[in-house]
N, C-alpha and C. Protein backbone atom coordinates (compact mmCIF):
# COMPACT_ATOMS: atom_id res chain seq x y z
N MET A 1 15.50 22.04 -15.44
CA MET A 1 14.28 21.53 -14.67
C MET A 1 13.70 20.28 -15.24
N ARG A 2 13.35 19.42 -14.52
CA ARG A 2 12.64 18.29 -14.96
C ARG A 2 11.15 18.58 -15.27
N ALA A 3 10.73 17.95 -16.17
CA ALA A 3 9.39 17.87 -16.66
C ALA A 3 8.34 16.97 -15.81
N TYR A 4 8.90 16.34 -14.67
CA TYR A 4 8.03 15.57 -13.77
C TYR A 4 8.63 15.97 -12.32
N ALA A 5 7.70 15.56 -11.53
CA ALA A 5 7.95 15.66 -9.90
C ALA A 5 7.61 14.43 -9.52
N LEU A 6 8.53 13.90 -8.60
CA LEU A 6 8.45 12.54 -7.70
C LEU A 6 7.79 13.09 -6.52
N THR A 7 6.70 12.48 -6.04
CA THR A 7 6.17 12.74 -4.58
C THR A 7 7.19 12.00 -3.67
N PRO A 8 7.06 12.51 -2.31
CA PRO A 8 7.98 11.54 -1.45
C PRO A 8 7.89 10.12 -1.37
N LEU A 9 6.69 9.70 -1.56
CA LEU A 9 6.49 8.15 -1.52
C LEU A 9 7.16 7.65 -2.79
N ALA A 10 6.78 8.34 -3.94
CA ALA A 10 7.54 7.72 -5.23
C ALA A 10 9.19 7.90 -5.05
N LYS A 11 9.66 8.79 -4.26
CA LYS A 11 11.17 8.66 -4.15
C LYS A 11 11.45 7.65 -3.26
N ALA A 12 10.61 7.40 -2.23
CA ALA A 12 11.14 6.27 -1.20
C ALA A 12 10.62 4.89 -2.07
N ASP A 13 9.88 4.73 -2.95
CA ASP A 13 9.72 3.59 -3.80
C ASP A 13 11.00 3.28 -4.73
N ILE A 14 11.65 4.38 -5.19
CA ILE A 14 12.76 4.33 -6.17
C ILE A 14 13.81 3.79 -5.11
N PHE A 15 14.09 4.36 -3.96
CA PHE A 15 15.10 4.06 -3.02
C PHE A 15 14.98 2.43 -2.60
N ASP A 16 13.71 2.14 -2.39
CA ASP A 16 13.51 0.85 -2.07
C ASP A 16 13.83 -0.31 -3.04
N ILE A 17 13.41 0.16 -4.26
CA ILE A 17 13.82 -0.67 -5.37
C ILE A 17 15.45 -0.82 -5.57
N TRP A 18 16.06 0.43 -5.57
CA TRP A 18 17.39 0.43 -5.44
C TRP A 18 18.07 -0.42 -4.28
N ALA A 19 17.61 -0.31 -2.95
CA ALA A 19 18.16 -1.05 -2.23
C ALA A 19 18.00 -2.57 -2.20
N TYR A 20 16.75 -3.00 -2.69
CA TYR A 20 16.56 -4.36 -2.80
C TYR A 20 17.38 -5.01 -3.98
N VAL A 21 17.58 -4.26 -5.12
CA VAL A 21 18.42 -4.92 -6.22
C VAL A 21 19.88 -4.80 -5.84
N ALA A 22 20.26 -3.64 -5.08
CA ALA A 22 21.75 -3.42 -4.68
C ALA A 22 22.11 -4.65 -3.62
N ASP A 23 21.30 -5.14 -3.03
CA ASP A 23 21.63 -6.20 -2.15
C ASP A 23 22.20 -7.36 -2.66
N ASP A 24 21.78 -7.47 -4.08
CA ASP A 24 22.55 -8.57 -4.85
C ASP A 24 23.63 -7.97 -5.83
N ASN A 25 23.28 -6.85 -6.34
CA ASN A 25 24.17 -6.34 -7.42
C ASN A 25 23.99 -4.75 -7.65
N ASP A 26 25.12 -4.03 -7.18
CA ASP A 26 25.17 -2.53 -7.09
C ASP A 26 24.90 -1.94 -8.75
N ASP A 27 25.66 -2.69 -9.66
CA ASP A 27 25.49 -2.27 -11.01
C ASP A 27 24.19 -2.43 -11.53
N ALA A 28 23.46 -3.49 -11.26
CA ALA A 28 22.13 -3.83 -11.77
C ALA A 28 21.33 -2.90 -11.01
N ALA A 29 21.25 -2.46 -9.69
CA ALA A 29 20.56 -1.41 -9.01
C ALA A 29 20.53 -0.04 -9.84
N TYR A 30 21.80 0.29 -10.22
CA TYR A 30 21.97 1.56 -10.98
C TYR A 30 21.30 1.43 -12.23
N ARG A 31 21.40 0.28 -12.90
CA ARG A 31 20.53 0.29 -14.29
C ARG A 31 19.02 0.26 -14.18
N VAL A 32 18.68 -0.27 -13.13
CA VAL A 32 17.22 -0.37 -12.84
C VAL A 32 16.69 1.22 -12.43
N THR A 33 17.47 1.80 -11.55
CA THR A 33 17.05 3.13 -11.30
C THR A 33 17.06 3.98 -12.46
N GLN A 34 18.12 3.92 -13.18
CA GLN A 34 18.36 4.69 -14.27
C GLN A 34 17.25 4.55 -15.24
N ALA A 35 16.77 3.49 -15.48
CA ALA A 35 15.57 3.03 -16.32
C ALA A 35 14.45 3.65 -15.84
N ILE A 36 14.21 3.70 -14.56
CA ILE A 36 13.03 4.30 -13.96
C ILE A 36 13.05 5.89 -14.19
N TYR A 37 14.15 6.41 -14.00
CA TYR A 37 14.18 7.75 -14.41
C TYR A 37 14.02 8.19 -15.65
N ASP A 38 14.69 7.46 -16.49
CA ASP A 38 14.37 7.57 -18.06
C ASP A 38 12.88 7.47 -18.38
N ALA A 39 12.09 6.49 -17.72
CA ALA A 39 10.85 6.41 -18.11
C ALA A 39 9.91 7.60 -17.62
N CYS A 40 10.30 8.05 -16.54
CA CYS A 40 9.75 9.32 -15.90
C CYS A 40 9.96 10.46 -16.80
N GLU A 41 11.03 10.55 -17.49
CA GLU A 41 11.39 11.63 -18.44
C GLU A 41 10.49 11.44 -19.62
N PHE A 42 10.43 10.25 -20.09
CA PHE A 42 9.60 9.93 -21.28
C PHE A 42 8.16 10.17 -21.22
N VAL A 43 7.46 9.66 -19.93
CA VAL A 43 6.09 10.06 -19.88
C VAL A 43 5.74 11.54 -19.50
N ALA A 44 6.98 12.20 -18.95
CA ALA A 44 6.67 13.72 -18.95
C ALA A 44 6.62 14.38 -20.21
N LYS A 45 7.19 13.94 -21.23
CA LYS A 45 7.31 14.56 -22.50
C LYS A 45 5.80 14.27 -23.12
N GLN A 46 5.31 12.97 -23.03
CA GLN A 46 4.06 12.58 -23.76
C GLN A 46 3.15 11.81 -22.60
N PRO A 47 2.66 12.67 -21.71
CA PRO A 47 2.01 11.98 -20.42
C PRO A 47 0.64 11.20 -20.86
N PHE A 48 -0.04 11.45 -21.97
CA PHE A 48 -1.07 10.62 -22.35
C PHE A 48 -1.04 9.47 -23.02
N LEU A 49 0.49 8.91 -23.24
CA LEU A 49 0.66 7.74 -23.85
C LEU A 49 0.51 6.59 -22.88
N GLY A 50 0.56 6.74 -21.63
CA GLY A 50 0.49 5.83 -20.46
C GLY A 50 -0.89 5.15 -20.53
N HIS A 51 -1.09 4.29 -19.97
CA HIS A 51 -2.71 3.61 -19.90
C HIS A 51 -3.16 3.67 -18.58
N SER A 52 -4.60 3.89 -18.65
CA SER A 52 -5.34 4.06 -17.37
C SER A 52 -5.69 2.43 -16.86
N ARG A 53 -5.95 2.40 -15.60
CA ARG A 53 -6.22 0.99 -15.21
C ARG A 53 -7.35 1.18 -14.15
N LYS A 54 -8.45 1.05 -14.77
CA LYS A 54 -9.94 1.28 -14.10
C LYS A 54 -10.01 0.15 -12.98
N ASP A 55 -9.39 -0.97 -13.41
CA ASP A 55 -9.30 -2.08 -12.40
C ASP A 55 -8.57 -1.84 -11.10
N LEU A 56 -7.81 -0.97 -11.35
CA LEU A 56 -6.86 -0.80 -10.01
C LEU A 56 -7.26 0.49 -9.19
N THR A 57 -7.76 1.53 -9.95
CA THR A 57 -7.92 2.81 -9.34
C THR A 57 -9.04 3.55 -10.31
N LYS A 58 -9.82 4.19 -9.67
CA LYS A 58 -10.95 5.06 -10.31
C LYS A 58 -10.32 6.51 -10.55
N ARG A 59 -9.08 6.68 -10.05
CA ARG A 59 -8.50 8.05 -10.16
C ARG A 59 -7.82 8.16 -11.55
N ALA A 60 -7.62 9.46 -11.99
CA ALA A 60 -7.15 9.82 -13.38
C ALA A 60 -5.65 9.67 -13.22
N LEU A 61 -5.28 8.42 -13.13
CA LEU A 61 -3.83 8.03 -13.16
C LEU A 61 -3.43 7.31 -14.26
N ARG A 62 -2.21 7.45 -14.84
CA ARG A 62 -1.80 6.66 -15.88
C ARG A 62 -0.66 5.79 -15.41
N PHE A 63 -0.41 4.66 -16.22
CA PHE A 63 0.76 3.77 -15.75
C PHE A 63 1.39 3.46 -16.92
N TRP A 64 2.93 3.34 -16.69
CA TRP A 64 3.72 3.13 -17.79
C TRP A 64 4.96 2.26 -17.32
N VAL A 65 4.93 1.06 -18.18
CA VAL A 65 5.93 0.02 -17.59
C VAL A 65 7.45 0.55 -18.18
N VAL A 66 8.28 0.31 -17.26
CA VAL A 66 9.48 0.67 -17.29
C VAL A 66 10.35 -0.29 -18.29
N THR A 67 11.05 0.17 -19.36
CA THR A 67 11.72 -0.61 -20.25
C THR A 67 13.11 -0.37 -19.94
N PRO A 68 13.97 -1.47 -19.79
CA PRO A 68 13.63 -2.92 -20.03
C PRO A 68 13.39 -3.83 -18.97
N TYR A 69 12.68 -3.20 -17.94
CA TYR A 69 12.39 -3.93 -16.69
C TYR A 69 10.78 -3.96 -16.56
N PRO A 70 10.21 -4.73 -17.23
CA PRO A 70 8.54 -4.79 -17.26
C PRO A 70 7.95 -5.20 -15.89
N ASN A 71 8.80 -5.51 -14.98
CA ASN A 71 8.23 -5.82 -13.72
C ASN A 71 7.71 -4.62 -13.00
N TYR A 72 8.31 -3.44 -13.36
CA TYR A 72 8.20 -2.09 -12.76
C TYR A 72 7.35 -1.22 -13.39
N ALA A 73 6.43 -0.48 -12.93
CA ALA A 73 5.53 0.57 -13.36
C ALA A 73 5.58 1.96 -12.69
N ILE A 74 5.44 2.83 -13.45
CA ILE A 74 5.46 4.17 -13.00
C ILE A 74 3.96 4.61 -13.11
N VAL A 75 3.44 5.03 -11.86
CA VAL A 75 2.04 5.57 -11.77
C VAL A 75 2.17 7.11 -11.71
N TYR A 76 1.36 7.87 -12.50
CA TYR A 76 1.57 9.18 -12.54
C TYR A 76 0.15 10.00 -12.87
N ARG A 77 0.30 11.19 -12.49
CA ARG A 77 -0.83 12.04 -12.85
C ARG A 77 -0.49 12.72 -14.19
N PRO A 78 -1.04 12.46 -15.29
CA PRO A 78 -0.68 13.04 -16.60
C PRO A 78 -1.22 14.66 -16.73
N GLU A 79 -2.16 14.94 -15.98
CA GLU A 79 -2.71 16.31 -16.25
C GLU A 79 -2.01 17.35 -15.39
N THR A 80 -1.05 17.02 -14.47
CA THR A 80 -0.29 18.21 -13.72
C THR A 80 0.84 18.46 -14.49
N THR A 81 1.23 19.82 -14.05
CA THR A 81 2.48 20.27 -14.71
C THR A 81 3.27 20.91 -13.63
N PRO A 82 4.45 20.21 -13.35
CA PRO A 82 5.15 19.10 -14.16
C PRO A 82 4.13 17.79 -13.81
N VAL A 83 4.36 16.72 -14.54
CA VAL A 83 3.80 15.45 -14.46
C VAL A 83 4.25 15.02 -13.10
N GLN A 84 3.08 14.67 -12.19
CA GLN A 84 3.47 14.07 -10.96
C GLN A 84 3.54 12.58 -10.71
N VAL A 85 4.65 11.91 -10.40
CA VAL A 85 4.89 10.60 -10.23
C VAL A 85 4.59 10.19 -8.86
N VAL A 86 3.30 9.55 -8.74
CA VAL A 86 2.92 9.16 -7.44
C VAL A 86 3.47 7.80 -6.83
N ALA A 87 3.87 7.00 -7.71
CA ALA A 87 4.36 5.74 -7.45
C ALA A 87 5.23 4.91 -8.16
N VAL A 88 6.12 4.30 -7.97
CA VAL A 88 6.91 3.33 -8.81
C VAL A 88 6.87 2.00 -8.21
N LEU A 89 6.27 0.98 -8.74
CA LEU A 89 5.75 -0.20 -8.08
C LEU A 89 6.28 -1.38 -8.75
N HIS A 90 6.51 -2.57 -8.06
CA HIS A 90 6.75 -3.68 -8.74
C HIS A 90 5.45 -4.39 -8.84
N GLY A 91 5.17 -5.00 -10.09
CA GLY A 91 3.97 -5.63 -10.31
C GLY A 91 3.39 -6.72 -9.36
N LYS A 92 4.18 -7.43 -8.76
CA LYS A 92 3.92 -8.45 -7.79
C LYS A 92 3.34 -7.76 -6.61
N ARG A 93 3.37 -6.43 -6.30
CA ARG A 93 2.76 -5.87 -5.01
C ARG A 93 1.50 -5.74 -5.34
N ASP A 94 0.82 -5.57 -4.31
CA ASP A 94 -0.72 -5.22 -4.21
C ASP A 94 -0.84 -3.76 -4.64
N VAL A 95 -0.87 -3.57 -5.82
CA VAL A 95 -0.87 -2.28 -6.43
C VAL A 95 -2.30 -1.44 -5.93
N ARG A 96 -3.46 -2.17 -6.00
CA ARG A 96 -4.63 -1.62 -5.78
C ARG A 96 -4.63 -1.06 -4.28
N ARG A 97 -4.20 -1.92 -3.38
CA ARG A 97 -4.17 -1.52 -2.08
C ARG A 97 -3.14 -0.34 -1.73
N ILE A 98 -2.09 -0.48 -2.30
CA ILE A 98 -1.19 0.62 -2.28
C ILE A 98 -1.66 1.91 -2.77
N LEU A 99 -2.29 2.05 -3.99
CA LEU A 99 -2.84 3.23 -4.24
C LEU A 99 -3.88 3.69 -3.53
N LYS A 100 -4.86 2.74 -3.11
CA LYS A 100 -5.86 3.24 -2.21
C LYS A 100 -5.39 3.94 -0.87
N ASN A 101 -4.37 3.24 -0.34
CA ASN A 101 -3.95 3.83 0.96
C ASN A 101 -3.11 5.17 0.60
N ARG A 102 -2.24 5.18 -0.45
CA ARG A 102 -1.51 6.31 -0.69
C ARG A 102 -2.46 7.60 -1.09
N LEU A 103 -3.43 7.27 -1.93
CA LEU A 103 -4.28 8.41 -2.56
C LEU A 103 -5.42 8.81 -1.75
N GLN A 104 -5.59 8.68 -0.49
CA GLN A 104 -6.90 8.93 0.13
C GLN A 104 -6.92 10.48 0.31
């Protein structure tokens, strides 16, 4: 059993990332999505290692940058069991707007 749960929108985020990258390179798409899943596993084990971003949301969310793809961040609720991943987003997107619309 996973120590984290993906919301339906987080699953859609991952699929969209995969599809975008796969448009150029299937192998790269696999590597990026695998790194995302690995990062989800990592934060599930130590959820308070991520950082809060009060400039983006007042909610009790944490952010973790995906290694080795620092353009992507996992947004999650550290206090839930299992840890709930609410978004996986590229840094160039309007993260504040997305989170506001997603978490109403």
